[in-house]
Amino acid sequence: MGERSLLPIIAPLLIYCHLIWNNSVQALPLPNDTPEEVLRTEVLTEARSPLNGESLSAAEYAELQVALRSTEAVQPKVSPKIRRLITLLRLRKGIRSIFPFLLR
């Protein structure tokens, strides 16, 4: 009788220990896995173009970034009426987010 009363206590304990020991082993990295600290210190010598995804050298990538930044500074020509309309629509959207029951 004494052995049967310990079975409900020992069985879950053994299962719990088995699960804990198995999970701790699975958390270890693979032996051939490069640590993140090493990857952060590597110097990148090639890159991909953000426009079409082709492979670029570091110098070509830097030139492309400078060219893209210079084109971002150009403001498009928009008529004053359309610019005012866009401003009013943005204002209306802001007011509607604060007071949703207004401007139906």
Protein backbone atom coordinates (compact mmCIF):
# COMPACT_ATOMS: atom_id res chain seq x y z
CA MET A 1 0.00 0.00 0.00
CA GLY A 2 2.86 2.39 0.82
CA GLU A 3 4.27 2.20 -2.72
CA ARG A 4 0.98 3.08 -4.36
CA SER A 5 0.51 6.24 -2.34
CA LEU A 6 3.92 7.59 -3.50
CA LEU A 7 3.28 6.96 -7.21
CA PRO A 8 1.05 10.05 -7.76
CA ILE A 9 3.77 12.20 -6.20
CA ILE A 10 6.86 10.68 -7.85
CA ALA A 11 5.51 10.33 -11.41
CA PRO A 12 4.80 14.06 -12.01
CA LEU A 13 8.11 14.94 -10.37
CA LEU A 14 10.02 12.66 -12.72
CA ILE A 15 8.18 14.04 -15.75
CA TYR A 16 8.86 17.61 -14.64
CA CYS A 17 12.59 16.94 -14.17
CA HIS A 18 12.77 15.21 -17.54
CA LEU A 19 11.17 18.16 -19.32
CA ILE A 20 13.40 20.74 -17.63
CA TRP A 21 16.64 18.88 -18.42
CA ASN A 22 15.65 18.32 -22.07
CA ASN A 23 14.74 21.98 -22.65
CA SER A 24 18.00 23.31 -21.22
CA VAL A 25 20.02 21.23 -23.69
CA GLN A 26 18.02 22.46 -26.68
CA ALA A 27 18.74 26.09 -25.85
CA LEU A 28 22.47 25.78 -26.59
CA PRO A 29 23.65 27.25 -29.93
CA LEU A 30 25.02 25.07 -32.68
CA PRO A 31 28.82 24.58 -32.61
CA ASN A 32 29.25 26.14 -36.08
CA ASP A 33 27.01 29.14 -35.26
CA THR A 34 28.88 32.49 -35.34
CA PRO A 35 28.17 34.60 -32.22
CA GLU A 36 26.32 37.88 -32.71
CA GLU A 37 29.19 39.85 -31.17
CA VAL A 38 31.52 38.62 -33.93
CA LEU A 39 28.97 39.37 -36.65
CA ARG A 40 28.55 42.96 -35.43
CA THR A 41 32.29 43.63 -35.77
CA GLU A 42 32.57 42.34 -39.35
CA VAL A 43 33.12 45.00 -42.00
CA LEU A 44 30.57 44.84 -44.81
CA THR A 45 32.21 45.04 -48.22
CA GLU A 46 29.15 44.46 -50.37
CA ALA A 47 25.58 45.63 -50.34
CA ARG A 48 22.34 45.41 -52.27
CA SER A 49 20.79 48.27 -54.17
CA PRO A 50 17.58 49.54 -52.54
CA LEU A 51 16.21 50.29 -56.01
CA ASN A 52 16.53 46.95 -57.82
CA GLY A 53 18.34 44.61 -55.41
CA GLU A 54 21.48 44.09 -57.51
CA SER A 55 24.81 43.50 -55.77
CA LEU A 56 26.97 46.62 -55.28
CA SER A 57 30.42 47.29 -53.89
CA ALA A 58 30.76 49.51 -50.82
CA ALA A 59 31.88 52.50 -52.94
CA GLU A 60 28.99 52.09 -55.40
CA TYR A 61 26.54 51.82 -52.50
CA ALA A 62 27.89 55.03 -50.93
CA GLU A 63 27.57 56.85 -54.26
CA LEU A 64 24.00 55.62 -54.64
CA GLN A 65 23.10 56.78 -51.12
CA VAL A 66 24.49 60.27 -51.85
CA ALA A 67 22.55 60.41 -55.12
CA LEU A 68 19.33 59.31 -53.41
CA ARG A 69 19.73 61.89 -50.62
CA SER A 70 20.25 64.70 -53.12
CA THR A 71 17.02 63.78 -54.95
CA GLU A 72 15.06 63.72 -51.67
CA ALA A 73 15.74 67.42 -51.13
CA VAL A 74 13.81 68.36 -54.29
CA GLN A 75 10.29 69.55 -53.48
CA PRO A 76 7.64 68.77 -56.10
CA LYS A 77 5.79 71.66 -57.71
CA VAL A 78 2.22 71.69 -56.42
CA SER A 79 -0.34 74.37 -57.10
CA PRO A 80 -1.31 76.49 -54.07
CA LYS A 81 -4.96 75.35 -54.28
CA ILE A 82 -4.02 71.68 -54.02
CA ARG A 83 -1.49 72.39 -51.25
CA ARG A 84 -4.21 74.21 -49.26
CA LEU A 85 -6.64 71.35 -49.86
CA ILE A 86 -4.09 68.82 -48.59
CA THR A 87 -3.45 70.95 -45.50
CA LEU A 88 -7.18 71.18 -44.78
CA LEU A 89 -7.62 67.43 -45.23
CA ARG A 90 -4.74 66.75 -42.81
CA LEU A 91 -6.27 69.19 -40.32
CA ARG A 92 -9.65 67.49 -40.68
CA LYS A 93 -8.06 64.07 -40.11
CA GLY A 94 -6.33 65.35 -36.96
CA ILE A 95 -9.53 66.86 -35.57
CA ARG A 96 -11.45 63.69 -36.39
CA SER A 97 -8.94 61.55 -34.47
CA ILE A 98 -9.41 63.75 -31.38
CA PHE A 99 -13.18 64.36 -31.73
CA PRO A 100 -14.61 61.47 -33.80
CA PHE A 101 -18.19 62.69 -33.42
CA LEU A 102 -17.44 65.98 -35.25
CA LEU A 103 -17.15 66.53 -39.01
CA ARG A 104 -19.41 63.76 -40.21
